[in-house]
Amino acid sequence: MNLGGRKLSIWMLAAVLAVSGTVLVAKDKKKKDKDASAQMDPHQRAIHALNRLTFGPRPGDVDRVMSIGVDKWIDEQLNPGKVSWPTCCASSHNRSPHSGPTLARSGKTPWW
């Protein structure tokens, strides 16, 4: 094997070792994170999720997340089409924000 081939082999071995070490560290960290989540009580877990995934809990948010569960709440956040809206909000949820009732009734066109 010539000198160039040997250097290439050494670099390839170093790359493989670096990648495998990164994977092992990531697996270990994921396990620790899962263990930490399992150690939290439901109230702490709800607050933690709201702090990490929103701008912090609003009044009533913690109770709502605890009542449906953090995993289901996260699923709702990622898939808002699955949420069953109350009848008071259903019509406004499905409407385009640019077709508001006041604009249609006034006969005016939007500025854009």
C-alpha atoms as a PDB file:
ATOM      1  CA  MET A   1       0.000   0.000   0.000  1.00  0.00           C
ATOM      2  CA  ASN A   2       1.436   3.354  -0.944  1.00  0.00           C
ATOM      3  CA  LEU A   3       1.621   6.394   1.347  1.00  0.00           C
ATOM      4  CA  GLY A   4      -1.507   8.050  -0.128  1.00  0.00           C
ATOM      5  CA  GLY A   5      -3.561   4.898   0.357  1.00  0.00           C
ATOM      6  CA  ARG A   6      -2.393   4.540   3.952  1.00  0.00           C
ATOM      7  CA  LYS A   7      -3.353   8.150   4.759  1.00  0.00           C
ATOM      8  CA  LEU A   8      -6.754   7.604   3.195  1.00  0.00           C
ATOM      9  CA  SER A   9      -7.255   4.449   5.278  1.00  0.00           C
ATOM     10  CA  ILE A  10      -6.320   6.294   8.467  1.00  0.00           C
ATOM     11  CA  TRP A  11      -8.732   9.133   7.659  1.00  0.00           C
ATOM     12  CA  MET A  12     -11.531   6.674   6.887  1.00  0.00           C
ATOM     13  CA  LEU A  13     -10.928   4.830  10.166  1.00  0.00           C
ATOM     14  CA  ALA A  14     -10.932   8.121  12.083  1.00  0.00           C
ATOM     15  CA  ALA A  15     -14.218   9.142  10.426  1.00  0.00           C
ATOM     16  CA  VAL A  16     -15.866   5.806  11.251  1.00  0.00           C
ATOM     17  CA  LEU A  17     -14.744   6.026  14.881  1.00  0.00           C
ATOM     18  CA  ALA A  18     -15.961   9.632  15.186  1.00  0.00           C
ATOM     19  CA  VAL A  19     -19.392   8.785  13.773  1.00  0.00           C
ATOM     20  CA  SER A  20     -19.801   5.696  15.937  1.00  0.00           C
ATOM     21  CA  GLY A  21     -18.773   7.636  19.042  1.00  0.00           C
ATOM     22  CA  THR A  22     -21.303  10.367  18.247  1.00  0.00           C
ATOM     23  CA  VAL A  23     -24.077   7.786  17.821  1.00  0.00           C
ATOM     24  CA  LEU A  24     -23.244   6.159  21.155  1.00  0.00           C
ATOM     25  CA  VAL A  25     -23.237   9.496  22.979  1.00  0.00           C
ATOM     26  CA  ALA A  26     -26.552  10.486  21.362  1.00  0.00           C
ATOM     27  CA  LYS A  27     -28.172   7.184  22.393  1.00  0.00           C
ATOM     28  CA  ASP A  28     -27.002   7.647  25.968  1.00  0.00           C
ATOM     29  CA  LYS A  29     -28.323  11.238  26.094  1.00  0.00           C
ATOM     30  CA  LYS A  30     -31.700  10.157  24.673  1.00  0.00           C
ATOM     31  CA  LYS A  31     -31.998   7.500  27.382  1.00  0.00           C
ATOM     32  CA  LYS A  32     -31.187  10.051  30.106  1.00  0.00           C
ATOM     33  CA  ASP A  33     -33.783  12.484  28.716  1.00  0.00           C
ATOM     34  CA  LYS A  34     -36.428   9.749  28.701  1.00  0.00           C
ATOM     35  CA  ASP A  35     -35.573   8.824  32.287  1.00  0.00           C
ATOM     36  CA  ALA A  36     -35.814  12.472  33.389  1.00  0.00           C
ATOM     37  CA  SER A  37     -39.228  12.821  31.738  1.00  0.00           C
ATOM     38  CA  ALA A  38     -40.464   9.680  33.480  1.00  0.00           C
ATOM     39  CA  GLN A  39     -39.375  11.055  36.865  1.00  0.00           C
ATOM     40  CA  MET A  40     -41.496  14.222  36.553  1.00  0.00           C
ATOM     41  CA  ASP A  41     -44.995  14.260  37.949  1.00  0.00           C
ATOM     42  CA  PRO A  42     -47.786  15.209  35.478  1.00  0.00           C
ATOM     43  CA  HIS A  43     -47.954  18.816  36.726  1.00  0.00           C
ATOM     44  CA  GLN A  44     -44.207  19.374  36.282  1.00  0.00           C
ATOM     45  CA  ARG A  45     -44.284  17.654  32.892  1.00  0.00           C
ATOM     46  CA  ALA A  46     -47.123  19.906  31.687  1.00  0.00           C
ATOM     47  CA  ILE A  47     -45.314  23.051  32.839  1.00  0.00           C
ATOM     48  CA  HIS A  48     -42.070  21.842  31.269  1.00  0.00           C
ATOM     49  CA  ALA A  49     -43.786  21.188  27.907  1.00  0.00           C
ATOM     50  CA  LEU A  50     -45.558  24.553  27.935  1.00  0.00           C
ATOM     51  CA  ASN A  51     -42.319  26.379  28.780  1.00  0.00           C
ATOM     52  CA  ARG A  52     -40.354  24.576  26.076  1.00  0.00           C
ATOM     53  CA  LEU A  53     -42.943  24.549  23.291  1.00  0.00           C
ATOM     54  CA  THR A  54     -44.827  27.829  23.824  1.00  0.00           C
ATOM     55  CA  PHE A  55     -44.118  31.248  25.287  1.00  0.00           C
ATOM     56  CA  GLY A  56     -45.025  29.861  28.688  1.00  0.00           C
ATOM     57  CA  PRO A  57     -48.278  28.724  30.264  1.00  0.00           C
ATOM     58  CA  ARG A  58     -51.307  31.008  30.218  1.00  0.00           C
ATOM     59  CA  PRO A  59     -54.030  30.743  32.860  1.00  0.00           C
ATOM     60  CA  GLY A  60     -55.738  27.387  32.438  1.00  0.00           C
ATOM     61  CA  ASP A  61     -53.108  25.903  30.088  1.00  0.00           C
ATOM     62  CA  VAL A  62     -51.523  23.648  32.703  1.00  0.00           C
ATOM     63  CA  ASP A  63     -54.896  22.195  33.713  1.00  0.00           C
ATOM     64  CA  ARG A  64     -55.858  21.591  30.074  1.00  0.00           C
ATOM     65  CA  VAL A  65     -52.549  19.897  29.234  1.00  0.00           C
ATOM     66  CA  MET A  66     -52.797  17.751  32.360  1.00  0.00           C
ATOM     67  CA  SER A  67     -56.380  16.748  31.532  1.00  0.00           C
ATOM     68  CA  ILE A  68     -55.598  15.531  28.004  1.00  0.00           C
ATOM     69  CA  GLY A  69     -51.986  14.489  28.603  1.00  0.00           C
ATOM     70  CA  VAL A  70     -48.749  16.024  27.336  1.00  0.00           C
ATOM     71  CA  ASP A  71     -48.351  13.603  24.424  1.00  0.00           C
ATOM     72  CA  LYS A  72     -51.862  14.288  23.114  1.00  0.00           C
ATOM     73  CA  TRP A  73     -51.389  18.050  23.598  1.00  0.00           C
ATOM     74  CA  ILE A  74     -48.169  17.954  21.564  1.00  0.00           C
ATOM     75  CA  ASP A  75     -49.980  15.968  18.856  1.00  0.00           C
ATOM     76  CA  GLU A  76     -52.675  18.688  18.768  1.00  0.00           C
ATOM     77  CA  GLN A  77     -50.020  21.365  18.388  1.00  0.00           C
ATOM     78  CA  LEU A  78     -48.448  19.561  15.453  1.00  0.00           C
ATOM     79  CA  ASN A  79     -51.782  18.648  13.796  1.00  0.00           C
ATOM     80  CA  PRO A  80     -54.283  21.468  14.464  1.00  0.00           C
ATOM     81  CA  GLY A  81     -56.717  20.015  11.899  1.00  0.00           C
ATOM     82  CA  LYS A  82     -57.475  17.161  14.306  1.00  0.00           C
ATOM     83  CA  VAL A  83     -58.731  19.507  17.032  1.00  0.00           C
ATOM     84  CA  SER A  84     -62.499  19.509  17.455  1.00  0.00           C
ATOM     85  CA  TRP A  85     -63.376  23.197  17.746  1.00  0.00           C
ATOM     86  CA  PRO A  86     -66.374  24.340  19.787  1.00  0.00           C
ATOM     87  CA  THR A  87     -69.309  25.576  17.713  1.00  0.00           C
ATOM     88  CA  CYS A  88     -68.553  29.182  18.644  1.00  0.00           C
ATOM     89  CA  CYS A  89     -65.093  28.935  17.065  1.00  0.00           C
ATOM     90  CA  ALA A  90     -65.636  26.430  14.261  1.00  0.00           C
ATOM     91  CA  SER A  91     -66.845  28.908  11.646  1.00  0.00           C
ATOM     92  CA  SER A  92     -64.081  31.427  12.314  1.00  0.00           C
ATOM     93  CA  HIS A  93     -61.418  28.706  12.369  1.00  0.00           C
ATOM     94  CA  ASN A  94     -62.236  27.496   8.848  1.00  0.00           C
ATOM     95  CA  ARG A  95     -62.547  30.972   7.344  1.00  0.00           C
ATOM     96  CA  SER A  96     -59.710  32.800   5.643  1.00  0.00           C
ATOM     97  CA  PRO A  97     -58.385  35.681   7.763  1.00  0.00           C
ATOM     98  CA  HIS A  98     -58.840  37.983   4.763  1.00  0.00           C
ATOM     99  CA  SER A  99     -62.534  37.301   4.325  1.00  0.00           C
ATOM    100  CA  GLY A 100     -63.782  38.678   7.613  1.00  0.00           C
ATOM    101  CA  PRO A 101     -67.456  39.504   7.978  1.00  0.00           C
ATOM    102  CA  THR A 102     -66.871  43.217   8.541  1.00  0.00           C
ATOM    103  CA  LEU A 103     -64.926  43.569   5.305  1.00  0.00           C
ATOM    104  CA  ALA A 104     -67.597  41.757   3.285  1.00  0.00           C
ATOM    105  CA  ARG A 105     -70.438  43.785   4.823  1.00  0.00           C
ATOM    106  CA  SER A 106     -68.709  47.141   4.453  1.00  0.00           C
ATOM    107  CA  GLY A 107     -68.215  46.738   0.707  1.00  0.00           C
ATOM    108  CA  LYS A 108     -64.661  48.017   1.019  1.00  0.00           C
ATOM    109  CA  THR A 109     -61.668  46.294  -0.493  1.00  0.00           C
ATOM    110  CA  PRO A 110     -58.601  45.471   1.568  1.00  0.00           C
ATOM    111  CA  TRP A 111     -55.619  47.786   1.298  1.00  0.00           C
ATOM    112  CA  TRP A 112     -53.482  45.084  -0.290  1.00  0.00           C
END
